[in-house]
Amino acid sequence: MSQIKEQTAIKTTYFSIIGNTMLALLKWLAGFFGNSYALIADAIESTADIFSSFLVLLGLKYAQRPADENHPYGHGRVEPLITFIVVGFLIVSATIIAYESIENIGTPHELPKSWTLFVLGGIIIWKESSYRIVMKKSRETNSSSLKADAWHHRSDAITSVAAFIGISIALVLGKGYENADDYAALFAAGFILYNCYHIFRPALGEIMDENVYEEVIEEIRKYALEVAGIKATEKCYVRKSGTKYHVDLHAIVNSEITVKEGHALAHELKDYLIEHIPDLGHVMIHIEPSTYID
């Protein structure tokens, strides 16, 4: 199951790379020949998306490496690190777009071509569809870097919407409103920066081992009680590494059983949890006697 999820994540990244490459080329050409800086700004972001998607791909492949002596919990932590780099790409592209937009606002230029609206309409539909596809796959695979890649598609769709509005205003109001296109690009840059936080924050939580996975904890407690001999569960800590959840669980058992029986029960519980919750990685079971609870 784990290998299937990892392969799904990698295939999804290839989808992002191919889509971003085609759209970046289309945007550069349409922006240049259509006199639209908003489209060129969009192309800058899509070009950055190509490189960030390659980084996500490399990170996902590296995260597949099995645990070894130096990395007993596997290599999944590379995912949030890749996410940080992806966010860096977004910040740089947003800064470039904002700077160029401000420069162009004060520079006289021609009105955008009306046909650029048709190009943008197709881009908006494609990028929003791509966001939904990649986000769905990120949930299926528990991949933080794939989630960041999905947000690249969403931010691209939003910048295209902003460009569409800006070009429409410039074309409808005519002479004197040419810079509406540039204001749209400036707005798009601000939105990209806003999204950077929403991509960065969960990855930071993963690096910091935040215990914020209540749904997973509830599932662990539910399945634990299905194992004969487990009377209750006490502490349960969950941390995420790549696509896997690592668990520390305190299970309460009859205080009269032997150490050997408690040891066997811990292994039985561990195997049962991994069997029923495929997303679990390393599971540490601590046995507590029913007469003693911290």
C-alpha atoms as a PDB file:
ATOM      1  CA  MET A   1       0.000   0.000   0.000  1.00  0.00           C
ATOM      2  CA  SER A   2       2.812   2.401   0.890  1.00  0.00           C
ATOM      3  CA  GLN A   3       4.624   1.793  -2.412  1.00  0.00           C
ATOM      4  CA  ILE A   4       1.389   2.341  -4.340  1.00  0.00           C
ATOM      5  CA  LYS A   5       0.921   5.717  -2.642  1.00  0.00           C
ATOM      6  CA  GLU A   6       4.502   6.743  -3.328  1.00  0.00           C
ATOM      7  CA  GLN A   7       4.189   5.803  -7.002  1.00  0.00           C
ATOM      8  CA  THR A   8       0.893   7.713  -7.203  1.00  0.00           C
ATOM      9  CA  ALA A   9       2.584  10.821  -5.784  1.00  0.00           C
ATOM     10  CA  ILE A  10       5.449  10.551  -8.298  1.00  0.00           C
ATOM     11  CA  LYS A  11       3.073  10.118 -11.270  1.00  0.00           C
ATOM     12  CA  THR A  12       1.103  13.150 -10.094  1.00  0.00           C
ATOM     13  CA  THR A  13       4.304  15.213 -10.030  1.00  0.00           C
ATOM     14  CA  TYR A  14       5.058  14.229 -13.642  1.00  0.00           C
ATOM     15  CA  PHE A  15       1.562  15.482 -14.502  1.00  0.00           C
ATOM     16  CA  SER A  16       2.409  18.835 -12.866  1.00  0.00           C
ATOM     17  CA  ILE A  17       5.760  19.153 -14.672  1.00  0.00           C
ATOM     18  CA  ILE A  18       4.286  18.487 -18.123  1.00  0.00           C
ATOM     19  CA  GLY A  19       1.292  20.793 -17.527  1.00  0.00           C
ATOM     20  CA  ASN A  20       3.417  23.651 -16.150  1.00  0.00           C
ATOM     21  CA  THR A  21       5.895  23.425 -19.036  1.00  0.00           C
ATOM     22  CA  MET A  22       3.172  23.657 -21.674  1.00  0.00           C
ATOM     23  CA  LEU A  23       1.357  26.493 -19.907  1.00  0.00           C
ATOM     24  CA  ALA A  24       4.515  28.506 -19.230  1.00  0.00           C
ATOM     25  CA  LEU A  25       5.355  28.456 -22.942  1.00  0.00           C
ATOM     26  CA  LEU A  26       1.794  29.424 -23.870  1.00  0.00           C
ATOM     27  CA  LYS A  27       1.751  32.298 -21.371  1.00  0.00           C
ATOM     28  CA  TRP A  28       5.128  33.693 -22.479  1.00  0.00           C
ATOM     29  CA  LEU A  29       4.017  33.736 -26.122  1.00  0.00           C
ATOM     30  CA  ALA A  30       0.530  35.118 -25.392  1.00  0.00           C
ATOM     31  CA  GLY A  31       1.905  37.773 -23.016  1.00  0.00           C
ATOM     32  CA  PHE A  32       4.587  38.935 -25.457  1.00  0.00           C
ATOM     33  CA  PHE A  33       2.435  39.057 -28.588  1.00  0.00           C
ATOM     34  CA  GLY A  34      -0.699  40.130 -26.694  1.00  0.00           C
ATOM     35  CA  ASN A  35       0.923  43.116 -24.878  1.00  0.00           C
ATOM     36  CA  SER A  36      -0.089  41.761 -21.462  1.00  0.00           C
ATOM     37  CA  TYR A  37       2.299  41.985 -18.514  1.00  0.00           C
ATOM     38  CA  ALA A  38      -0.244  40.182 -16.343  1.00  0.00           C
ATOM     39  CA  LEU A  39       0.166  37.168 -18.636  1.00  0.00           C
ATOM     40  CA  ILE A  40       3.956  37.516 -18.565  1.00  0.00           C
ATOM     41  CA  ALA A  41       3.761  37.656 -14.751  1.00  0.00           C
ATOM     42  CA  ASP A  42       1.694  34.489 -14.913  1.00  0.00           C
ATOM     43  CA  ALA A  43       4.366  32.923 -17.129  1.00  0.00           C
ATOM     44  CA  ILE A  44       7.072  33.812 -14.582  1.00  0.00           C
ATOM     45  CA  GLU A  45       5.183  31.917 -11.896  1.00  0.00           C
ATOM     46  CA  SER A  46       4.564  28.924 -14.166  1.00  0.00           C
ATOM     47  CA  THR A  47       8.273  28.794 -15.035  1.00  0.00           C
ATOM     48  CA  ALA A  48       9.112  28.743 -11.313  1.00  0.00           C
ATOM     49  CA  ASP A  49       6.479  26.016 -10.915  1.00  0.00           C
ATOM     50  CA  ILE A  50       8.390  23.790 -13.348  1.00  0.00           C
ATOM     51  CA  PHE A  51      11.522  23.905 -11.199  1.00  0.00           C
ATOM     52  CA  SER A  52       9.587  23.486  -7.955  1.00  0.00           C
ATOM     53  CA  SER A  53       7.750  20.454  -9.372  1.00  0.00           C
ATOM     54  CA  PHE A  54      11.117  18.912 -10.275  1.00  0.00           C
ATOM     55  CA  LEU A  55      12.199  19.476  -6.667  1.00  0.00           C
ATOM     56  CA  VAL A  56       9.029  17.804  -5.408  1.00  0.00           C
ATOM     57  CA  LEU A  57       9.751  14.851  -7.699  1.00  0.00           C
ATOM     58  CA  LEU A  58      13.308  14.500  -6.402  1.00  0.00           C
ATOM     59  CA  GLY A  59      12.068  14.783  -2.811  1.00  0.00           C
ATOM     60  CA  LEU A  60       9.407  12.099  -3.291  1.00  0.00           C
ATOM     61  CA  LYS A  61      11.942   9.733  -4.842  1.00  0.00           C
ATOM     62  CA  TYR A  62      14.452  10.344  -2.040  1.00  0.00           C
ATOM     63  CA  ALA A  63      11.732   9.822   0.596  1.00  0.00           C
ATOM     64  CA  GLN A  64      11.148   6.313  -0.820  1.00  0.00           C
ATOM     65  CA  ARG A  65      14.532   5.145   0.422  1.00  0.00           C
ATOM     66  CA  PRO A  66      14.159   2.490   3.121  1.00  0.00           C
ATOM     67  CA  ALA A  67      15.228   3.076   6.717  1.00  0.00           C
ATOM     68  CA  ASP A  68      18.915   2.531   7.414  1.00  0.00           C
ATOM     69  CA  GLU A  69      21.346   2.768  10.328  1.00  0.00           C
ATOM     70  CA  ASN A  70      21.579   6.557  10.142  1.00  0.00           C
ATOM     71  CA  HIS A  71      17.881   7.056   9.355  1.00  0.00           C
ATOM     72  CA  PRO A  72      15.953   4.452  11.403  1.00  0.00           C
ATOM     73  CA  TYR A  73      12.666   6.301  10.779  1.00  0.00           C
ATOM     74  CA  GLY A  74      13.216   6.483   7.022  1.00  0.00           C
ATOM     75  CA  HIS A  75      13.872   9.504   4.804  1.00  0.00           C
ATOM     76  CA  GLY A  76      10.393  11.064   4.825  1.00  0.00           C
ATOM     77  CA  ARG A  77      11.560  14.296   6.484  1.00  0.00           C
ATOM     78  CA  VAL A  78      12.957  15.409   3.138  1.00  0.00           C
ATOM     79  CA  GLU A  79       9.364  16.236   2.081  1.00  0.00           C
ATOM     80  CA  PRO A  80       8.821  19.274   4.340  1.00  0.00           C
ATOM     81  CA  LEU A  81      12.359  20.429   3.518  1.00  0.00           C
ATOM     82  CA  ILE A  82      11.454  20.352  -0.185  1.00  0.00           C
ATOM     83  CA  THR A  83       8.257  22.214   0.673  1.00  0.00           C
ATOM     84  CA  PHE A  84      10.336  25.018   2.226  1.00  0.00           C
ATOM     85  CA  ILE A  85      12.330  25.324  -1.002  1.00  0.00           C
ATOM     86  CA  VAL A  86       9.119  25.348  -3.056  1.00  0.00           C
ATOM     87  CA  VAL A  87       7.824  28.190  -0.883  1.00  0.00           C
ATOM     88  CA  GLY A  88      11.110  29.995  -1.528  1.00  0.00           C
ATOM     89  CA  PHE A  89      10.496  29.705  -5.275  1.00  0.00           C
ATOM     90  CA  LEU A  90       7.029  31.178  -4.800  1.00  0.00           C
ATOM     91  CA  ILE A  91       8.333  34.108  -2.757  1.00  0.00           C
ATOM     92  CA  VAL A  92      11.002  34.912  -5.354  1.00  0.00           C
ATOM     93  CA  SER A  93       8.534  34.747  -8.250  1.00  0.00           C
ATOM     94  CA  ALA A  94       6.007  36.913  -6.354  1.00  0.00           C
ATOM     95  CA  THR A  95       8.708  39.495  -5.594  1.00  0.00           C
ATOM     96  CA  ILE A  96       9.767  39.664  -9.260  1.00  0.00           C
ATOM     97  CA  ILE A  97       6.151  40.017 -10.394  1.00  0.00           C
ATOM     98  CA  ALA A  98       5.468  42.787  -7.851  1.00  0.00           C
ATOM     99  CA  TYR A  99       8.635  44.723  -8.774  1.00  0.00           C
ATOM    100  CA  GLU A 100       7.983  44.548 -12.511  1.00  0.00           C
ATOM    101  CA  SER A 101       4.302  45.451 -12.017  1.00  0.00           C
ATOM    102  CA  ILE A 102       5.195  48.609 -10.071  1.00  0.00           C
ATOM    103  CA  GLU A 103       7.747  49.517 -12.754  1.00  0.00           C
ATOM    104  CA  ASN A 104       5.204  49.040 -15.555  1.00  0.00           C
ATOM    105  CA  ILE A 105       2.400  50.955 -13.829  1.00  0.00           C
ATOM    106  CA  GLY A 106       4.272  54.203 -14.470  1.00  0.00           C
ATOM    107  CA  THR A 107       5.352  53.242 -17.989  1.00  0.00           C
ATOM    108  CA  PRO A 108       3.014  54.011 -20.969  1.00  0.00           C
ATOM    109  CA  HIS A 109       2.234  50.936 -23.058  1.00  0.00           C
ATOM    110  CA  GLU A 110      -0.325  49.541 -25.476  1.00  0.00           C
ATOM    111  CA  LEU A 111      -3.627  47.969 -24.541  1.00  0.00           C
ATOM    112  CA  PRO A 112      -3.581  44.164 -24.262  1.00  0.00           C
ATOM    113  CA  LYS A 113      -5.001  42.214 -27.199  1.00  0.00           C
ATOM    114  CA  SER A 114      -8.566  40.987 -26.751  1.00  0.00           C
ATOM    115  CA  TRP A 115      -7.698  37.405 -27.769  1.00  0.00           C
ATOM    116  CA  THR A 116      -5.573  37.037 -24.613  1.00  0.00           C
ATOM    117  CA  LEU A 117      -8.842  36.670 -22.674  1.00  0.00           C
ATOM    118  CA  PHE A 118      -9.592  33.395 -24.485  1.00  0.00           C
ATOM    119  CA  VAL A 119      -6.111  32.138 -23.653  1.00  0.00           C
ATOM    120  CA  LEU A 120      -6.610  33.046 -19.990  1.00  0.00           C
ATOM    121  CA  GLY A 121     -10.047  31.414 -19.860  1.00  0.00           C
ATOM    122  CA  GLY A 122      -8.558  28.094 -20.951  1.00  0.00           C
ATOM    123  CA  ILE A 123      -5.646  28.462 -18.512  1.00  0.00           C
ATOM    124  CA  ILE A 124      -7.970  29.163 -15.570  1.00  0.00           C
ATOM    125  CA  ILE A 125     -10.034  26.028 -16.257  1.00  0.00           C
ATOM    126  CA  TRP A 126      -6.913  23.876 -16.681  1.00  0.00           C
ATOM    127  CA  LYS A 127      -5.109  25.157 -13.576  1.00  0.00           C
ATOM    128  CA  GLU A 128      -8.138  24.869 -11.288  1.00  0.00           C
ATOM    129  CA  SER A 129      -8.718  21.313 -12.559  1.00  0.00           C
ATOM    130  CA  SER A 130      -5.026  20.556 -11.971  1.00  0.00           C
ATOM    131  CA  TYR A 131      -5.301  21.913  -8.409  1.00  0.00           C
ATOM    132  CA  ARG A 132      -8.211  19.608  -7.634  1.00  0.00           C
ATOM    133  CA  ILE A 133      -6.478  16.566  -9.135  1.00  0.00           C
ATOM    134  CA  VAL A 134      -3.160  17.129  -7.338  1.00  0.00           C
ATOM    135  CA  MET A 135      -4.803  18.084  -4.029  1.00  0.00           C
ATOM    136  CA  LYS A 136      -6.875  14.893  -4.133  1.00  0.00           C
ATOM    137  CA  LYS A 137      -3.702  12.865  -4.687  1.00  0.00           C
ATOM    138  CA  SER A 138      -1.911  14.729  -1.863  1.00  0.00           C
ATOM    139  CA  ARG A 139      -4.686  13.688   0.557  1.00  0.00           C
ATOM    140  CA  GLU A 140      -4.561  10.091  -0.675  1.00  0.00           C
ATOM    141  CA  THR A 141      -0.785   9.918  -0.201  1.00  0.00           C
ATOM    142  CA  ASN A 142      -0.404  12.219   2.877  1.00  0.00           C
ATOM    143  CA  SER A 143       2.287  14.138   0.980  1.00  0.00           C
ATOM    144  CA  SER A 144       3.016  17.685   2.197  1.00  0.00           C
ATOM    145  CA  SER A 145       5.198  18.474  -0.811  1.00  0.00           C
ATOM    146  CA  LEU A 146       2.448  17.313  -3.175  1.00  0.00           C
ATOM    147  CA  LYS A 147       0.049  19.592  -1.299  1.00  0.00           C
ATOM    148  CA  ALA A 148       2.457  22.491  -1.897  1.00  0.00           C
ATOM    149  CA  ASP A 149       2.525  21.548  -5.584  1.00  0.00           C
ATOM    150  CA  ALA A 150      -1.285  21.590  -5.641  1.00  0.00           C
ATOM    151  CA  TRP A 151      -1.289  25.103  -4.178  1.00  0.00           C
ATOM    152  CA  HIS A 152       1.028  26.145  -6.986  1.00  0.00           C
ATOM    153  CA  HIS A 153      -1.766  25.222  -9.395  1.00  0.00           C
ATOM    154  CA  ARG A 154      -4.372  27.094  -7.337  1.00  0.00           C
ATOM    155  CA  SER A 155      -2.221  30.241  -7.057  1.00  0.00           C
ATOM    156  CA  ASP A 156      -1.602  30.036 -10.802  1.00  0.00           C
ATOM    157  CA  ALA A 157      -5.365  29.875 -11.391  1.00  0.00           C
ATOM    158  CA  ILE A 158      -5.904  32.918  -9.153  1.00  0.00           C
ATOM    159  CA  THR A 159      -3.195  34.951 -10.899  1.00  0.00           C
ATOM    160  CA  SER A 160      -4.833  34.061 -14.212  1.00  0.00           C
ATOM    161  CA  VAL A 161      -8.211  35.252 -12.876  1.00  0.00           C
ATOM    162  CA  ALA A 162      -6.572  38.510 -11.786  1.00  0.00           C
ATOM    163  CA  ALA A 163      -5.009  38.881 -15.236  1.00  0.00           C
ATOM    164  CA  PHE A 164      -8.367  38.174 -16.869  1.00  0.00           C
ATOM    165  CA  ILE A 165     -10.051  40.909 -14.791  1.00  0.00           C
ATOM    166  CA  GLY A 166      -7.229  43.382 -15.392  1.00  0.00           C
ATOM    167  CA  ILE A 167      -7.202  42.852 -19.156  1.00  0.00           C
ATOM    168  CA  SER A 168     -11.016  43.053 -19.280  1.00  0.00           C
ATOM    169  CA  ILE A 169     -10.975  46.419 -17.461  1.00  0.00           C
ATOM    170  CA  ALA A 170      -8.266  47.740 -19.762  1.00  0.00           C
ATOM    171  CA  LEU A 171     -10.159  46.649 -22.904  1.00  0.00           C
ATOM    172  CA  VAL A 172     -13.593  47.855 -21.760  1.00  0.00           C
ATOM    173  CA  LEU A 173     -12.490  51.271 -20.421  1.00  0.00           C
ATOM    174  CA  GLY A 174      -9.875  51.783 -23.127  1.00  0.00           C
ATOM    175  CA  LYS A 175      -7.257  54.507 -23.310  1.00  0.00           C
ATOM    176  CA  GLY A 176      -5.895  55.574 -19.938  1.00  0.00           C
ATOM    177  CA  TYR A 177      -6.613  52.206 -18.290  1.00  0.00           C
ATOM    178  CA  GLU A 178      -3.762  50.219 -19.846  1.00  0.00           C
ATOM    179  CA  ASN A 179      -2.154  49.763 -16.420  1.00  0.00           C
ATOM    180  CA  ALA A 180      -5.181  47.851 -15.076  1.00  0.00           C
ATOM    181  CA  ASP A 181      -3.315  44.832 -16.426  1.00  0.00           C
ATOM    182  CA  ASP A 182      -0.302  45.729 -14.251  1.00  0.00           C
ATOM    183  CA  TYR A 183      -2.405  46.262 -11.128  1.00  0.00           C
ATOM    184  CA  ALA A 184      -3.852  42.789 -11.717  1.00  0.00           C
ATOM    185  CA  ALA A 185      -0.322  41.348 -11.780  1.00  0.00           C
ATOM    186  CA  LEU A 186       0.492  43.216  -8.548  1.00  0.00           C
ATOM    187  CA  PHE A 187      -2.586  41.755  -6.869  1.00  0.00           C
ATOM    188  CA  ALA A 188      -1.562  38.298  -8.075  1.00  0.00           C
ATOM    189  CA  ALA A 189       1.863  38.745  -6.440  1.00  0.00           C
ATOM    190  CA  GLY A 190       0.204  39.601  -3.119  1.00  0.00           C
ATOM    191  CA  PHE A 191      -2.025  36.548  -3.315  1.00  0.00           C
ATOM    192  CA  ILE A 192       0.951  34.289  -4.013  1.00  0.00           C
ATOM    193  CA  LEU A 193       2.698  35.592  -0.879  1.00  0.00           C
ATOM    194  CA  TYR A 194      -0.478  35.006   1.137  1.00  0.00           C
ATOM    195  CA  ASN A 195      -0.580  31.376  -0.037  1.00  0.00           C
ATOM    196  CA  CYS A 196       3.070  30.914   0.898  1.00  0.00           C
ATOM    197  CA  TYR A 197       2.142  30.969   4.589  1.00  0.00           C
ATOM    198  CA  HIS A 198      -0.571  28.321   4.151  1.00  0.00           C
ATOM    199  CA  ILE A 199       1.914  26.040   2.397  1.00  0.00           C
ATOM    200  CA  PHE A 200       4.768  26.740   4.809  1.00  0.00           C
ATOM    201  CA  ARG A 201       2.899  26.345   8.126  1.00  0.00           C
ATOM    202  CA  PRO A 202       1.923  22.623   7.905  1.00  0.00           C
ATOM    203  CA  ALA A 203       5.426  21.701   6.717  1.00  0.00           C
ATOM    204  CA  LEU A 204       6.913  23.571   9.687  1.00  0.00           C
ATOM    205  CA  GLY A 205       4.598  21.640  12.001  1.00  0.00           C
ATOM    206  CA  GLU A 206       5.841  18.387  10.494  1.00  0.00           C
ATOM    207  CA  ILE A 207       9.481  19.352  11.077  1.00  0.00           C
ATOM    208  CA  MET A 208       8.667  20.411  14.668  1.00  0.00           C
ATOM    209  CA  ASP A 209       6.855  17.119  15.451  1.00  0.00           C
ATOM    210  CA  GLU A 210       3.581  18.859  16.292  1.00  0.00           C
ATOM    211  CA  ASN A 211       1.019  16.429  17.731  1.00  0.00           C
ATOM    212  CA  VAL A 212      -1.923  17.679  15.645  1.00  0.00           C
ATOM    213  CA  TYR A 213      -3.301  14.488  14.115  1.00  0.00           C
ATOM    214  CA  GLU A 214      -6.456  13.948  16.175  1.00  0.00           C
ATOM    215  CA  GLU A 215      -8.241  11.892  13.516  1.00  0.00           C
ATOM    216  CA  VAL A 216      -5.312   9.477  13.315  1.00  0.00           C
ATOM    217  CA  ILE A 217      -5.147   9.242  17.126  1.00  0.00           C
ATOM    218  CA  GLU A 218      -8.874   8.458  17.347  1.00  0.00           C
ATOM    219  CA  GLU A 219      -8.449   5.732  14.741  1.00  0.00           C
ATOM    220  CA  ILE A 220      -5.486   4.249  16.634  1.00  0.00           C
ATOM    221  CA  ARG A 221      -7.416   4.189  19.919  1.00  0.00           C
ATOM    222  CA  LYS A 222     -10.435   2.583  18.236  1.00  0.00           C
ATOM    223  CA  TYR A 223      -8.450  -0.261  16.654  1.00  0.00           C
ATOM    224  CA  ALA A 224      -6.349  -0.783  19.810  1.00  0.00           C
ATOM    225  CA  LEU A 225      -9.464  -1.689  21.800  1.00  0.00           C
ATOM    226  CA  GLU A 226     -10.306  -4.378  19.222  1.00  0.00           C
ATOM    227  CA  VAL A 227      -7.222  -6.351  20.290  1.00  0.00           C
ATOM    228  CA  ALA A 228      -8.033  -8.924  22.965  1.00  0.00           C
ATOM    229  CA  GLY A 229      -6.246  -8.085  26.216  1.00  0.00           C
ATOM    230  CA  ILE A 230      -6.061  -4.314  25.652  1.00  0.00           C
ATOM    231  CA  LYS A 231      -8.259  -2.777  28.326  1.00  0.00           C
ATOM    232  CA  ALA A 232      -7.724   0.905  27.382  1.00  0.00           C
ATOM    233  CA  THR A 233      -5.235   3.327  25.896  1.00  0.00           C
ATOM    234  CA  GLU A 234      -3.491   6.191  27.656  1.00  0.00           C
ATOM    235  CA  LYS A 235      -0.932   8.495  26.029  1.00  0.00           C
ATOM    236  CA  CYS A 236      -0.865   8.523  22.239  1.00  0.00           C
ATOM    237  CA  TYR A 237       1.597  10.722  20.347  1.00  0.00           C
ATOM    238  CA  VAL A 238       1.689  10.928  16.572  1.00  0.00           C
ATOM    239  CA  ARG A 239       4.232  12.672  14.356  1.00  0.00           C
ATOM    240  CA  LYS A 240       4.374  12.753  10.580  1.00  0.00           C
ATOM    241  CA  SER A 241       7.388  12.011   8.392  1.00  0.00           C
ATOM    242  CA  GLY A 242       6.776  12.105   4.651  1.00  0.00           C
ATOM    243  CA  THR A 243       3.707   9.996   3.913  1.00  0.00           C
ATOM    244  CA  LYS A 244       3.965   8.009   7.181  1.00  0.00           C
ATOM    245  CA  TYR A 245       2.747   8.564  10.759  1.00  0.00           C
ATOM    246  CA  HIS A 246       5.046   7.406  13.577  1.00  0.00           C
ATOM    247  CA  VAL A 247       3.244   6.465  16.795  1.00  0.00           C
ATOM    248  CA  ASP A 248       4.042   6.208  20.510  1.00  0.00           C
ATOM    249  CA  LEU A 249       1.131   4.516  22.300  1.00  0.00           C
ATOM    250  CA  HIS A 250       0.641   3.571  25.955  1.00  0.00           C
ATOM    251  CA  ALA A 251      -1.716   0.569  26.212  1.00  0.00           C
ATOM    252  CA  ILE A 252      -3.298  -0.558  29.484  1.00  0.00           C
ATOM    253  CA  VAL A 253      -3.471  -4.301  30.174  1.00  0.00           C
ATOM    254  CA  ASN A 254      -4.272  -6.627  33.073  1.00  0.00           C
ATOM    255  CA  SER A 255      -1.603  -6.152  35.756  1.00  0.00           C
ATOM    256  CA  GLU A 256      -1.577  -9.888  36.501  1.00  0.00           C
ATOM    257  CA  ILE A 257      -0.134 -11.038  33.159  1.00  0.00           C
ATOM    258  CA  THR A 258       3.550 -11.973  32.844  1.00  0.00           C
ATOM    259  CA  VAL A 259       6.214  -9.836  31.185  1.00  0.00           C
ATOM    260  CA  LYS A 260       6.356 -12.379  28.360  1.00  0.00           C
ATOM    261  CA  GLU A 261       2.599 -12.148  27.821  1.00  0.00           C
ATOM    262  CA  GLY A 262       2.737  -8.334  27.890  1.00  0.00           C
ATOM    263  CA  HIS A 263       5.559  -8.372  25.333  1.00  0.00           C
ATOM    264  CA  ALA A 264       3.571 -10.660  23.020  1.00  0.00           C
ATOM    265  CA  LEU A 265       0.476  -8.479  23.430  1.00  0.00           C
ATOM    266  CA  ALA A 266       2.453  -5.357  22.491  1.00  0.00           C
ATOM    267  CA  HIS A 267       3.617  -7.020  19.267  1.00  0.00           C
ATOM    268  CA  GLU A 268       0.092  -8.209  18.512  1.00  0.00           C
ATOM    269  CA  LEU A 269      -1.245  -4.677  18.994  1.00  0.00           C
ATOM    270  CA  LYS A 270       1.480  -3.174  16.822  1.00  0.00           C
ATOM    271  CA  ASP A 271       0.827  -5.638  13.981  1.00  0.00           C
ATOM    272  CA  TYR A 272      -2.932  -5.088  14.214  1.00  0.00           C
ATOM    273  CA  LEU A 273      -2.574  -1.305  14.000  1.00  0.00           C
ATOM    274  CA  ILE A 274      -0.225  -1.455  10.998  1.00  0.00           C
ATOM    275  CA  GLU A 275      -2.536  -3.942   9.268  1.00  0.00           C
ATOM    276  CA  HIS A 276      -5.626  -1.723   9.676  1.00  0.00           C
ATOM    277  CA  ILE A 277      -3.958   1.699   9.278  1.00  0.00           C
ATOM    278  CA  PRO A 278      -1.543   1.372   6.321  1.00  0.00           C
ATOM    279  CA  ASP A 279      -0.253   4.943   6.745  1.00  0.00           C
ATOM    280  CA  LEU A 280       1.528   4.026   9.994  1.00  0.00           C
ATOM    281  CA  GLY A 281       5.293   3.730   9.976  1.00  0.00           C
ATOM    282  CA  HIS A 282       7.210   3.119  13.215  1.00  0.00           C
ATOM    283  CA  VAL A 283       4.911   2.075  16.095  1.00  0.00           C
ATOM    284  CA  MET A 284       6.202   2.006  19.678  1.00  0.00           C
ATOM    285  CA  ILE A 285       3.928   0.293  22.224  1.00  0.00           C
ATOM    286  CA  HIS A 286       4.421   0.888  25.949  1.00  0.00           C
ATOM    287  CA  ILE A 287       2.488  -1.498  28.218  1.00  0.00           C
ATOM    288  CA  GLU A 288       0.874  -0.052  31.366  1.00  0.00           C
ATOM    289  CA  PRO A 289      -0.665  -2.251  34.145  1.00  0.00           C
ATOM    290  CA  SER A 290      -4.347  -1.593  34.790  1.00  0.00           C
ATOM    291  CA  THR A 291      -3.619  -0.747  38.451  1.00  0.00           C
ATOM    292  CA  TYR A 292      -1.219   2.079  37.480  1.00  0.00           C
ATOM    293  CA  ILE A 293      -2.067   4.989  35.230  1.00  0.00           C
ATOM    294  CA  ASP A 294       0.121   8.151  35.040  1.00  0.00           C
END
